[in-house]
């Protein structure tokens, strides 16, 4: 089994409802009740999804009186971002190599013409 940075977080984001919750929390922190009002699932279901997201370090919770307010956990989000950026770096490196090869080919074509 290959392990990778951001694996736990990506596994947690495999569920569409959890991705919806993360998207809502990216706009502003919210309580379970507020999230349940915005989603077509029950409060207990929202709580279960938040528990999984919390275990994956994608959300954090703080108490405000009797309410628990959830927000995105920057550390967990950074893990996902770091994982995805590896592909971006690889793509950029491949693109740079392609451009260099094209430039060498063009230079050689110019020399052949002369």
PDB file of N, CA and C in Angstrom:
ATOM      1  N   UNK A   1       0.846  -1.187   0.000  1.00  0.00           N
ATOM      2  CA  UNK A   1       0.000   0.000   0.000  1.00  0.00           C
ATOM      3  C   UNK A   1       0.886   1.243   0.000  1.00  0.00           C
ATOM      4  N   UNK A   2       0.610   2.148  -0.895  1.00  0.00           N
ATOM      5  CA  UNK A   2       1.360   3.401  -0.973  1.00  0.00           C
ATOM      6  C   UNK A   2       0.756   4.385   0.012  1.00  0.00           C
ATOM      7  N   UNK A   3       1.601   4.986   0.826  1.00  0.00           N
ATOM      8  CA  UNK A   3       1.121   6.048   1.714  1.00  0.00           C
ATOM      9  C   UNK A   3       1.593   7.367   1.137  1.00  0.00           C
ATOM     10  N   UNK A   4       0.819   8.379   1.315  1.00  0.00           N
ATOM     11  CA  UNK A   4       1.151   9.670   0.746  1.00  0.00           C
ATOM     12  C   UNK A   4       0.657  10.770   1.668  1.00  0.00           C
ATOM     13  N   UNK A   5       1.290  11.904   1.540  1.00  0.00           N
ATOM     14  CA  UNK A   5       0.902  13.062   2.319  1.00  0.00           C
ATOM     15  C   UNK A   5      -0.526  13.435   1.954  1.00  0.00           C
ATOM     16  N   UNK A   6      -1.349  13.692   2.952  1.00  0.00           N
ATOM     17  CA  UNK A   6      -2.727  14.081   2.692  1.00  0.00           C
ATOM     18  C   UNK A   6      -3.664  12.904   2.517  1.00  0.00           C
ATOM     19  N   UNK A   7      -3.179  11.680   2.700  1.00  0.00           N
ATOM     20  CA  UNK A   7      -4.000  10.496   2.472  1.00  0.00           C
ATOM     21  C   UNK A   7      -5.248  10.433   3.329  1.00  0.00           C
ATOM     22  N   UNK A   8      -5.111  10.673   4.616  1.00  0.00           N
ATOM     23  CA  UNK A   8      -6.262  10.628   5.516  1.00  0.00           C
ATOM     24  C   UNK A   8      -7.277  11.694   5.122  1.00  0.00           C
ATOM     25  N   UNK A   9      -6.785  12.862   4.787  1.00  0.00           N
ATOM     26  CA  UNK A   9      -7.668  13.957   4.398  1.00  0.00           C
ATOM     27  C   UNK A   9      -8.399  13.633   3.091  1.00  0.00           C
ATOM     28  N   UNK A  10      -7.670  13.112   2.121  1.00  0.00           N
ATOM     29  CA  UNK A  10      -8.302  12.779   0.844  1.00  0.00           C
ATOM     30  C   UNK A  10      -9.331  11.670   1.004  1.00  0.00           C
ATOM     31  N   UNK A  11      -9.040  10.703   1.865  1.00  0.00           N
ATOM     32  CA  UNK A  11     -10.023   9.651   2.131  1.00  0.00           C
ATOM     33  C   UNK A  11     -11.295  10.253   2.716  1.00  0.00           C
ATOM     34  N   UNK A  12     -11.144  11.179   3.650  1.00  0.00           N
ATOM     35  CA  UNK A  12     -12.312  11.812   4.271  1.00  0.00           C
ATOM     36  C   UNK A  12     -13.108  12.619   3.251  1.00  0.00           C
ATOM     37  N   UNK A  13     -12.425  13.204   2.279  1.00  0.00           N
ATOM     38  CA  UNK A  13     -13.099  14.007   1.263  1.00  0.00           C
ATOM     39  C   UNK A  13     -13.717  13.163   0.152  1.00  0.00           C
ATOM     40  N   UNK A  14     -13.604  11.848   0.267  1.00  0.00           N
ATOM     41  CA  UNK A  14     -14.173  10.962  -0.730  1.00  0.00           C
ATOM     42  C   UNK A  14     -15.690  10.972  -0.762  1.00  0.00           C
ATOM     43  N   UNK A  15     -16.309  11.438   0.300  1.00  0.00           N
ATOM     44  CA  UNK A  15     -17.771  11.486   0.376  1.00  0.00           C
ATOM     45  C   UNK A  15     -18.270  12.853  -0.079  1.00  0.00           C
ATOM     46  N   UNK A  16     -19.246  12.893  -0.980  1.00  0.00           N
ATOM     47  CA  UNK A  16     -19.729  14.185  -1.492  1.00  0.00           C
ATOM     48  C   UNK A  16     -20.320  15.094  -0.417  1.00  0.00           C
ATOM     49  N   UNK A  17     -20.973  14.534   0.588  1.00  0.00           N
ATOM     50  CA  UNK A  17     -21.535  15.370   1.663  1.00  0.00           C
ATOM     51  C   UNK A  17     -20.423  16.035   2.461  1.00  0.00           C
ATOM     52  N   UNK A  18     -19.347  15.304   2.703  1.00  0.00           N
ATOM     53  CA  UNK A  18     -18.234  15.908   3.441  1.00  0.00           C
ATOM     54  C   UNK A  18     -17.582  17.010   2.624  1.00  0.00           C
ATOM     55  N   UNK A  19     -17.509  16.812   1.313  1.00  0.00           N
ATOM     56  CA  UNK A  19     -16.974  17.892   0.470  1.00  0.00           C
ATOM     57  C   UNK A  19     -17.887  19.112   0.528  1.00  0.00           C
ATOM     58  N   UNK A  20     -19.202  18.887   0.562  1.00  0.00           N
ATOM     59  CA  UNK A  20     -20.137  20.008   0.695  1.00  0.00           C
ATOM     60  C   UNK A  20     -19.924  20.741   2.019  1.00  0.00           C
ATOM     61  N   UNK A  21     -19.722  19.988   3.082  1.00  0.00           N
ATOM     62  CA  UNK A  21     -19.488  20.596   4.396  1.00  0.00           C
ATOM     63  C   UNK A  21     -18.213  21.429   4.373  1.00  0.00           C
ATOM     64  N   UNK A  22     -17.160  20.880   3.785  1.00  0.00           N
ATOM     65  CA  UNK A  22     -15.891  21.623   3.685  1.00  0.00           C
ATOM     66  C   UNK A  22     -16.098  22.891   2.863  1.00  0.00           C
ATOM     67  N   UNK A  23     -16.858  22.791   1.785  1.00  0.00           N
ATOM     68  CA  UNK A  23     -17.119  23.975   0.955  1.00  0.00           C
ATOM     69  C   UNK A  23     -17.873  25.034   1.751  1.00  0.00           C
ATOM     70  N   UNK A  24     -18.860  24.620   2.527  1.00  0.00           N
ATOM     71  CA  UNK A  24     -19.604  25.586   3.352  1.00  0.00           C
ATOM     72  C   UNK A  24     -18.702  26.218   4.404  1.00  0.00           C
ATOM     73  N   UNK A  25     -17.873  25.393   5.032  1.00  0.00           N
ATOM     74  CA  UNK A  25     -16.985  25.919   6.071  1.00  0.00           C
ATOM     75  C   UNK A  25     -15.876  26.792   5.480  1.00  0.00           C
ATOM     76  N   UNK A  26     -15.604  26.640   4.191  1.00  0.00           N
ATOM     77  CA  UNK A  26     -14.603  27.514   3.570  1.00  0.00           C
ATOM     78  C   UNK A  26     -15.127  28.940   3.454  1.00  0.00           C
ATOM     79  N   UNK A  27     -16.458  29.094   3.508  1.00  0.00           N
ATOM     80  CA  UNK A  27     -17.068  30.416   3.440  1.00  0.00           C
ATOM     81  C   UNK A  27     -17.116  31.080   4.810  1.00  0.00           C
ATOM     82  N   UNK A  28     -17.429  30.269   5.838  1.00  0.00           N
ATOM     83  CA  UNK A  28     -17.488  30.797   7.201  1.00  0.00           C
ATOM     84  C   UNK A  28     -17.663  29.655   8.189  1.00  0.00           C
ATOM     85  N   UNK A  29     -17.186  29.832   9.432  1.00  0.00           N
ATOM     86  CA  UNK A  29     -17.420  28.822  10.461  1.00  0.00           C
ATOM     87  C   UNK A  29     -18.925  28.655  10.699  1.00  0.00           C
ATOM     88  N   UNK A  30     -19.314  27.458  11.134  1.00  0.00           N
ATOM     89  CA  UNK A  30     -20.741  27.204  11.335  1.00  0.00           C
ATOM     90  C   UNK A  30     -20.958  26.115  12.376  1.00  0.00           C
ATOM     91  N   UNK A  31     -22.133  26.145  12.967  1.00  0.00           N
ATOM     92  CA  UNK A  31     -22.533  25.104  13.916  1.00  0.00           C
ATOM     93  C   UNK A  31     -23.158  23.942  13.161  1.00  0.00           C
ATOM     94  N   UNK A  32     -23.382  22.838  13.864  1.00  0.00           N
ATOM     95  CA  UNK A  32     -24.031  21.680  13.254  1.00  0.00           C
ATOM     96  C   UNK A  32     -25.415  22.077  12.742  1.00  0.00           C
ATOM     97  N   UNK A  33     -26.155  22.840  13.537  1.00  0.00           N
ATOM     98  CA  UNK A  33     -27.496  23.260  13.143  1.00  0.00           C
ATOM     99  C   UNK A  33     -27.499  24.100  11.882  1.00  0.00           C
ATOM    100  N   UNK A  34     -26.573  25.022  11.799  1.00  0.00           N
ATOM    101  CA  UNK A  34     -26.472  25.879  10.610  1.00  0.00           C
ATOM    102  C   UNK A  34     -26.145  25.047   9.382  1.00  0.00           C
ATOM    103  N   UNK A  35     -25.215  24.109   9.529  1.00  0.00           N
ATOM    104  CA  UNK A  35     -24.857  23.247   8.403  1.00  0.00           C
ATOM    105  C   UNK A  35     -26.043  22.377   7.995  1.00  0.00           C
ATOM    106  N   UNK A  36     -26.760  21.840   8.978  1.00  0.00           N
ATOM    107  CA  UNK A  36     -27.916  20.975   8.685  1.00  0.00           C
ATOM    108  C   UNK A  36     -29.004  21.748   7.943  1.00  0.00           C
ATOM    109  N   UNK A  37     -29.157  23.028   8.249  1.00  0.00           N
ATOM    110  CA  UNK A  37     -30.148  23.850   7.540  1.00  0.00           C
ATOM    111  C   UNK A  37     -29.789  24.023   6.064  1.00  0.00           C
ATOM    112  N   UNK A  38     -28.505  23.976   5.756  1.00  0.00           N
ATOM    113  CA  UNK A  38     -28.036  24.218   4.389  1.00  0.00           C
ATOM    114  C   UNK A  38     -27.860  22.930   3.574  1.00  0.00           C
ATOM    115  N   UNK A  39     -27.981  21.788   4.246  1.00  0.00           N
ATOM    116  CA  UNK A  39     -27.768  20.510   3.581  1.00  0.00           C
ATOM    117  C   UNK A  39     -29.021  19.645   3.679  1.00  0.00           C
ATOM    118  N   UNK A  40     -29.214  18.743   2.734  1.00  0.00           N
ATOM    119  CA  UNK A  40     -30.392  17.880   2.769  1.00  0.00           C
ATOM    120  C   UNK A  40     -30.190  16.624   3.631  1.00  0.00           C
ATOM    121  N   UNK A  41     -29.507  16.801   4.770  1.00  0.00           N
ATOM    122  CA  UNK A  41     -29.296  15.681   5.691  1.00  0.00           C
ATOM    123  C   UNK A  41     -29.591  16.144   7.112  1.00  0.00           C
ATOM    124  N   UNK A  42     -29.771  15.192   8.001  1.00  0.00           N
ATOM    125  CA  UNK A  42     -30.146  15.493   9.383  1.00  0.00           C
ATOM    126  C   UNK A  42     -28.954  15.993  10.196  1.00  0.00           C
ATOM    127  N   UNK A  43     -29.268  16.581  11.350  1.00  0.00           N
ATOM    128  CA  UNK A  43     -28.205  17.028  12.256  1.00  0.00           C
ATOM    129  C   UNK A  43     -27.297  15.879  12.680  1.00  0.00           C
ATOM    130  N   UNK A  44     -27.874  14.717  13.055  1.00  0.00           N
ATOM    131  CA  UNK A  44     -26.982  13.614  13.424  1.00  0.00           C
ATOM    132  C   UNK A  44     -26.039  13.204  12.284  1.00  0.00           C
ATOM    133  N   UNK A  45     -26.545  13.236  11.053  1.00  0.00           N
ATOM    134  CA  UNK A  45     -25.690  12.898   9.903  1.00  0.00           C
ATOM    135  C   UNK A  45     -24.585  13.935   9.740  1.00  0.00           C
ATOM    136  N   UNK A  46     -24.926  15.215   9.901  1.00  0.00           N
ATOM    137  CA  UNK A  46     -23.915  16.277   9.822  1.00  0.00           C
ATOM    138  C   UNK A  46     -22.866  16.051  10.907  1.00  0.00           C
ATOM    139  N   UNK A  47     -23.313  15.730  12.109  1.00  0.00           N
ATOM    140  CA  UNK A  47     -22.381  15.483  13.222  1.00  0.00           C
ATOM    141  C   UNK A  47     -21.438  14.325  12.909  1.00  0.00           C
ATOM    142  N   UNK A  48     -21.972  13.258  12.319  1.00  0.00           N
ATOM    143  CA  UNK A  48     -21.121  12.119  11.959  1.00  0.00           C
ATOM    144  C   UNK A  48     -20.077  12.534  10.923  1.00  0.00           C
ATOM    145  N   UNK A  49     -20.490  13.270   9.915  1.00  0.00           N
ATOM    146  CA  UNK A  49     -19.549  13.723   8.885  1.00  0.00           C
ATOM    147  C   UNK A  49     -18.493  14.648   9.496  1.00  0.00           C
ATOM    148  N   UNK A  50     -18.916  15.535  10.397  1.00  0.00           N
ATOM    149  CA  UNK A  50     -17.957  16.434  11.046  1.00  0.00           C
ATOM    150  C   UNK A  50     -16.957  15.654  11.891  1.00  0.00           C
ATOM    151  N   UNK A  51     -17.414  14.586  12.513  1.00  0.00           N
ATOM    152  CA  UNK A  51     -16.513  13.744  13.301  1.00  0.00           C
ATOM    153  C   UNK A  51     -15.424  13.138  12.429  1.00  0.00           C
ATOM    154  N   UNK A  52     -15.802  12.673  11.257  1.00  0.00           N
ATOM    155  CA  UNK A  52     -14.822  12.104  10.323  1.00  0.00           C
ATOM    156  C   UNK A  52     -13.864  13.188   9.834  1.00  0.00           C
ATOM    157  N   UNK A  53     -14.410  14.362   9.506  1.00  0.00           N
ATOM    158  CA  UNK A  53     -13.566  15.471   9.057  1.00  0.00           C
ATOM    159  C   UNK A  53     -12.621  15.934  10.163  1.00  0.00           C
ATOM    160  N   UNK A  54     -13.089  15.901  11.396  1.00  0.00           N
ATOM    161  CA  UNK A  54     -12.248  16.302  12.533  1.00  0.00           C
ATOM    162  C   UNK A  54     -11.122  15.287  12.743  1.00  0.00           C
ATOM    163  N   UNK A  55     -11.454  14.003  12.651  1.00  0.00           N
ATOM    164  CA  UNK A  55     -10.444  12.952  12.788  1.00  0.00           C
ATOM    165  C   UNK A  55      -9.370  13.086  11.708  1.00  0.00           C
ATOM    166  N   UNK A  56      -9.780  13.533  10.533  1.00  0.00           N
ATOM    167  CA  UNK A  56      -8.842  13.725   9.421  1.00  0.00           C
ATOM    168  C   UNK A  56      -8.141  15.082   9.484  1.00  0.00           C
ATOM    169  N   UNK A  57      -8.358  15.824  10.543  1.00  0.00           N
ATOM    170  CA  UNK A  57      -7.742  17.148  10.728  1.00  0.00           C
ATOM    171  C   UNK A  57      -8.142  18.149   9.654  1.00  0.00           C
ATOM    172  N   UNK A  58      -9.342  17.997   9.100  1.00  0.00           N
ATOM    173  CA  UNK A  58      -9.824  18.961   8.116  1.00  0.00           C
ATOM    174  C   UNK A  58     -10.678  20.047   8.744  1.00  0.00           C
ATOM    175  N   UNK A  59     -11.261  19.769   9.906  1.00  0.00           N
ATOM    176  CA  UNK A  59     -12.027  20.784  10.624  1.00  0.00           C
ATOM    177  C   UNK A  59     -11.573  20.822  12.074  1.00  0.00           C
ATOM    178  N   UNK A  60     -11.798  21.957  12.665  1.00  0.00           N
ATOM    179  CA  UNK A  60     -11.545  22.128  14.097  1.00  0.00           C
ATOM    180  C   UNK A  60     -12.812  22.678  14.718  1.00  0.00           C
ATOM    181  N   UNK A  61     -12.936  22.525  16.018  1.00  0.00           N
ATOM    182  CA  UNK A  61     -14.166  22.933  16.693  1.00  0.00           C
ATOM    183  C   UNK A  61     -13.813  23.761  17.920  1.00  0.00           C
ATOM    184  N   UNK A  62     -14.670  24.743  18.188  1.00  0.00           N
ATOM    185  CA  UNK A  62     -14.506  25.548  19.404  1.00  0.00           C
ATOM    186  C   UNK A  62     -15.886  25.744  20.023  1.00  0.00           C
ATOM    187  N   UNK A  63     -15.899  25.838  21.314  1.00  0.00           N
ATOM    188  CA  UNK A  63     -17.161  26.043  22.032  1.00  0.00           C
ATOM    189  C   UNK A  63     -17.474  27.525  22.104  1.00  0.00           C
ATOM    190  N   UNK A  64     -18.723  27.859  21.797  1.00  0.00           N
ATOM    191  CA  UNK A  64     -19.251  29.219  21.970  1.00  0.00           C
ATOM    192  C   UNK A  64     -20.520  29.078  22.781  1.00  0.00           C
ATOM    193  N   UNK A  65     -20.376  29.198  24.077  1.00  0.00           N
ATOM    194  CA  UNK A  65     -21.521  28.966  24.956  1.00  0.00           C
ATOM    195  C   UNK A  65     -21.917  27.504  24.877  1.00  0.00           C
ATOM    196  N   UNK A  66     -23.155  27.241  24.512  1.00  0.00           N
ATOM    197  CA  UNK A  66     -23.628  25.861  24.398  1.00  0.00           C
ATOM    198  C   UNK A  66     -23.453  25.304  22.982  1.00  0.00           C
ATOM    199  N   UNK A  67     -23.033  26.155  22.061  1.00  0.00           N
ATOM    200  CA  UNK A  67     -22.854  25.713  20.669  1.00  0.00           C
ATOM    201  C   UNK A  67     -21.414  25.302  20.413  1.00  0.00           C
ATOM    202  N   UNK A  68     -21.261  24.416  19.462  1.00  0.00           N
ATOM    203  CA  UNK A  68     -19.928  24.052  18.984  1.00  0.00           C
ATOM    204  C   UNK A  68     -19.841  24.569  17.550  1.00  0.00           C
ATOM    205  N   UNK A  69     -18.845  25.384  17.303  1.00  0.00           N
ATOM    206  CA  UNK A  69     -18.690  26.014  15.988  1.00  0.00           C
ATOM    207  C   UNK A  69     -17.492  25.377  15.282  1.00  0.00           C
ATOM    208  N   UNK A  70     -17.744  24.928  14.072  1.00  0.00           N
ATOM    209  CA  UNK A  70     -16.726  24.255  13.280  1.00  0.00           C
ATOM    210  C   UNK A  70     -16.152  25.209  12.239  1.00  0.00           C
ATOM    211  N   UNK A  71     -14.857  25.030  11.975  1.00  0.00           N
ATOM    212  CA  UNK A  71     -14.171  25.795  10.939  1.00  0.00           C
ATOM    213  C   UNK A  71     -13.127  24.879  10.314  1.00  0.00           C
ATOM    214  N   UNK A  72     -12.603  25.288   9.187  1.00  0.00           N
ATOM    215  CA  UNK A  72     -11.572  24.483   8.534  1.00  0.00           C
ATOM    216  C   UNK A  72     -10.292  24.515   9.359  1.00  0.00           C
ATOM    217  N   UNK A  73      -9.597  23.397   9.371  1.00  0.00           N
ATOM    218  CA  UNK A  73      -8.307  23.296  10.054  1.00  0.00           C
ATOM    219  C   UNK A  73      -7.221  23.563   9.009  1.00  0.00           C
ATOM    220  N   UNK A  74      -6.516  24.674   9.117  1.00  0.00           N
ATOM    221  CA  UNK A  74      -5.510  25.022   8.106  1.00  0.00           C
ATOM    222  C   UNK A  74      -4.440  23.940   7.916  1.00  0.00           C
ATOM    223  N   UNK A  75      -4.083  23.233   8.974  1.00  0.00           N
ATOM    224  CA  UNK A  75      -3.039  22.206   8.858  1.00  0.00           C
ATOM    225  C   UNK A  75      -3.496  21.055   7.962  1.00  0.00           C
ATOM    226  N   UNK A  76      -4.714  20.599   8.145  1.00  0.00           N
ATOM    227  CA  UNK A  76      -5.227  19.500   7.324  1.00  0.00           C
ATOM    228  C   UNK A  76      -5.418  19.909   5.877  1.00  0.00           C
ATOM    229  N   UNK A  77      -5.921  21.121   5.681  1.00  0.00           N
ATOM    230  CA  UNK A  77      -6.095  21.631   4.320  1.00  0.00           C
ATOM    231  C   UNK A  77      -4.725  21.752   3.645  1.00  0.00           C
ATOM    232  N   UNK A  78      -3.716  22.146   4.401  1.00  0.00           N
ATOM    233  CA  UNK A  78      -2.354  22.261   3.857  1.00  0.00           C
ATOM    234  C   UNK A  78      -1.820  20.907   3.409  1.00  0.00           C
ATOM    235  N   UNK A  79      -2.183  19.832   4.115  1.00  0.00           N
ATOM    236  CA  UNK A  79      -1.759  18.484   3.715  1.00  0.00           C
ATOM    237  C   UNK A  79      -2.318  18.134   2.336  1.00  0.00           C
ATOM    238  N   UNK A  80      -3.602  18.429   2.134  1.00  0.00           N
ATOM    239  CA  UNK A  80      -4.233  18.142   0.838  1.00  0.00           C
ATOM    240  C   UNK A  80      -3.571  18.984  -0.250  1.00  0.00           C
ATOM    241  N   UNK A  81      -3.386  20.234   0.058  1.00  0.00           N
ATOM    242  CA  UNK A  81      -2.771  21.136  -0.921  1.00  0.00           C
ATOM    243  C   UNK A  81      -1.364  20.677  -1.293  1.00  0.00           C
ATOM    244  N   UNK A  82      -0.582  20.280  -0.304  1.00  0.00           N
ATOM    245  CA  UNK A  82       0.787  19.821  -0.562  1.00  0.00           C
ATOM    246  C   UNK A  82       0.777  18.584  -1.459  1.00  0.00           C
ATOM    247  N   UNK A  83      -0.154  17.681  -1.214  1.00  0.00           N
ATOM    248  CA  UNK A  83      -0.259  16.488  -2.048  1.00  0.00           C
ATOM    249  C   UNK A  83      -0.564  16.862  -3.493  1.00  0.00           C
ATOM    250  N   UNK A  84      -1.550  17.735  -3.678  1.00  0.00           N
ATOM    251  CA  UNK A  84      -1.954  18.125  -5.027  1.00  0.00           C
ATOM    252  C   UNK A  84      -0.872  18.938  -5.729  1.00  0.00           C
ATOM    253  N   UNK A  85      -0.126  19.724  -4.967  1.00  0.00           N
ATOM    254  CA  UNK A  85       0.932  20.537  -5.573  1.00  0.00           C
ATOM    255  C   UNK A  85       2.063  19.691  -6.131  1.00  0.00           C
ATOM    256  N   UNK A  86       2.236  18.456  -5.633  1.00  0.00           N
ATOM    257  CA  UNK A  86       3.283  17.604  -6.209  1.00  0.00           C
ATOM    258  C   UNK A  86       2.992  17.344  -7.679  1.00  0.00           C
ATOM    259  N   UNK A  87       1.722  17.182  -8.020  1.00  0.00           N
ATOM    260  CA  UNK A  87       1.359  16.964  -9.419  1.00  0.00           C
ATOM    261  C   UNK A  87       1.604  18.229 -10.233  1.00  0.00           C
ATOM    262  N   UNK A  88       1.285  19.372  -9.663  1.00  0.00           N
ATOM    263  CA  UNK A  88       1.484  20.641 -10.349  1.00  0.00           C
ATOM    264  C   UNK A  88       2.965  20.858 -10.636  1.00  0.00           C
ATOM    265  N   UNK A  89       3.818  20.582  -9.633  1.00  0.00           N
ATOM    266  CA  UNK A  89       5.263  20.731  -9.832  1.00  0.00           C
ATOM    267  C   UNK A  89       5.749  19.797 -10.936  1.00  0.00           C
ATOM    268  N   UNK A  90       5.284  18.545 -10.908  1.00  0.00           N
ATOM    269  CA  UNK A  90       5.687  17.592 -11.940  1.00  0.00           C
ATOM    270  C   UNK A  90       5.235  18.062 -13.322  1.00  0.00           C
ATOM    271  N   UNK A  91       4.003  18.570 -13.407  1.00  0.00           N
ATOM    272  CA  UNK A  91       3.511  19.084 -14.685  1.00  0.00           C
ATOM    273  C   UNK A  91       4.360  20.250 -15.172  1.00  0.00           C
ATOM    274  N   UNK A  92       4.705  21.156 -14.273  1.00  0.00           N
ATOM    275  CA  UNK A  92       5.536  22.298 -14.662  1.00  0.00           C
ATOM    276  C   UNK A  92       6.915  21.854 -15.122  1.00  0.00           C
ATOM    277  N   UNK A  93       7.480  20.870 -14.425  1.00  0.00           N
ATOM    278  CA  UNK A  93       8.795  20.371 -14.831  1.00  0.00           C
ATOM    279  C   UNK A  93       8.729  19.726 -16.210  1.00  0.00           C
ATOM    280  N   UNK A  94       7.678  18.955 -16.460  1.00  0.00           N
ATOM    281  CA  UNK A  94       7.519  18.324 -17.772  1.00  0.00           C
ATOM    282  C   UNK A  94       7.311  19.377 -18.856  1.00  0.00           C
ATOM    283  N   UNK A  95       6.546  20.410 -18.543  1.00  0.00           N
ATOM    284  CA  UNK A  95       6.315  21.485 -19.503  1.00  0.00           C
ATOM    285  C   UNK A  95       7.624  22.212 -19.806  1.00  0.00           C
ATOM    286  N   UNK A  96       8.410  22.497 -18.773  1.00  0.00           N
ATOM    287  CA  UNK A  96       9.692  23.176 -18.977  1.00  0.00           C
ATOM    288  C   UNK A  96      10.614  22.328 -19.848  1.00  0.00           C
ATOM    289  N   UNK A  97      10.638  21.026 -19.614  1.00  0.00           N
ATOM    290  CA  UNK A  97      11.468  20.139 -20.431  1.00  0.00           C
ATOM    291  C   UNK A  97      10.986  20.136 -21.878  1.00  0.00           C
ATOM    292  N   UNK A  98       9.690  20.140 -22.084  1.00  0.00           N
ATOM    293  CA  UNK A  98       9.123  20.173 -23.432  1.00  0.00           C
ATOM    294  C   UNK A  98       9.511  21.464 -24.155  1.00  0.00           C
ATOM    295  N   UNK A  99       9.384  22.593 -23.462  1.00  0.00           N
ATOM    296  CA  UNK A  99       9.719  23.884 -24.060  1.00  0.00           C
ATOM    297  C   UNK A  99      11.200  23.919 -24.424  1.00  0.00           C
ATOM    298  N   UNK A 100      12.051  23.419 -23.543  1.00  0.00           N
ATOM    299  CA  UNK A 100      13.487  23.383 -23.836  1.00  0.00           C
ATOM    300  C   UNK A 100      13.772  22.520 -25.063  1.00  0.00           C
ATOM    301  N   UNK A 101      13.102  21.365 -25.156  1.00  0.00           N
ATOM    302  CA  UNK A 101      13.293  20.478 -26.306  1.00  0.00           C
ATOM    303  C   UNK A 101      12.831  21.157 -27.590  1.00  0.00           C
ATOM    304  N   UNK A 102      11.705  21.846 -27.539  1.00  0.00           N
ATOM    305  CA  UNK A 102      11.191  22.553 -28.716  1.00  0.00           C
ATOM    306  C   UNK A 102      12.160  23.659 -29.134  1.00  0.00           C
ATOM    307  N   UNK A 103      12.730  24.349 -28.163  1.00  0.00           N
ATOM    308  CA  UNK A 103      13.682  25.416 -28.475  1.00  0.00           C
ATOM    309  C   UNK A 103      14.933  24.828 -29.134  1.00  0.00           C
ATOM    310  N   UNK A 104      15.418  23.684 -28.618  1.00  0.00           N
ATOM    311  CA  UNK A 104      16.591  23.042 -29.231  1.00  0.00           C
ATOM    312  C   UNK A 104      16.274  22.594 -30.658  1.00  0.00           C
ATOM    313  N   UNK A 105      15.083  22.042 -30.850  1.00  0.00           N
ATOM    314  CA  UNK A 105      14.670  21.595 -32.187  1.00  0.00           C
ATOM    315  C   UNK A 105      14.596  22.783 -33.146  1.00  0.00           C
ATOM    316  N   UNK A 106      14.043  23.892 -32.685  1.00  0.00           N
ATOM    317  CA  UNK A 106      13.940  25.091 -33.527  1.00  0.00           C
ATOM    318  C   UNK A 106      15.324  25.637 -33.852  1.00  0.00           C
ATOM    319  N   UNK A 107      16.220  25.634 -32.854  1.00  0.00           N
ATOM    320  CA  UNK A 107      17.592  26.105 -33.100  1.00  0.00           C
ATOM    321  C   UNK A 107      18.288  25.228 -34.132  1.00  0.00           C
ATOM    322  N   UNK A 108      18.092  23.931 -34.027  1.00  0.00           N
ATOM    323  CA  UNK A 108      18.721  23.002 -34.971  1.00  0.00           C
ATOM    324  C   UNK A 108      18.148  23.208 -36.365  1.00  0.00           C
ATOM    325  N   UNK A 109      16.854  23.442 -36.477  1.00  0.00           N
ATOM    326  CA  UNK A 109      16.218  23.694 -37.775  1.00  0.00           C
ATOM    327  C   UNK A 109      16.777  24.964 -38.394  1.00  0.00           C
ATOM    328  N   UNK A 110      16.981  26.004 -37.567  1.00  0.00           N
ATOM    329  CA  UNK A 110      17.569  27.247 -38.074  1.00  0.00           C
ATOM    330  C   UNK A 110      18.982  27.010 -38.599  1.00  0.00           C
ATOM    331  N   UNK A 111      19.762  26.208 -37.889  1.00  0.00           N
ATOM    332  CA  UNK A 111      21.140  25.925 -38.315  1.00  0.00           C
ATOM    333  C   UNK A 111      21.145  25.127 -39.609  1.00  0.00           C
ATOM    334  N   UNK A 112      20.193  24.191 -39.752  1.00  0.00           N
ATOM    335  CA  UNK A 112      20.112  23.370 -40.962  1.00  0.00           C
ATOM    336  C   UNK A 112      19.754  24.212 -42.172  1.00  0.00           C
ATOM    337  N   UNK A 113      18.950  25.225 -41.987  1.00  0.00           N
ATOM    338  CA  UNK A 113      18.521  26.086 -43.084  1.00  0.00           C
ATOM    339  C   UNK A 113      19.694  26.938 -43.575  1.00  0.00           C
ATOM    340  N   UNK A 114      20.545  27.344 -42.696  1.00  0.00           N
ATOM    341  CA  UNK A 114      21.677  28.219 -43.058  1.00  0.00           C
ATOM    342  C   UNK A 114      22.667  27.411 -43.779  1.00  0.00           C
TER     343      UNK A 114
END
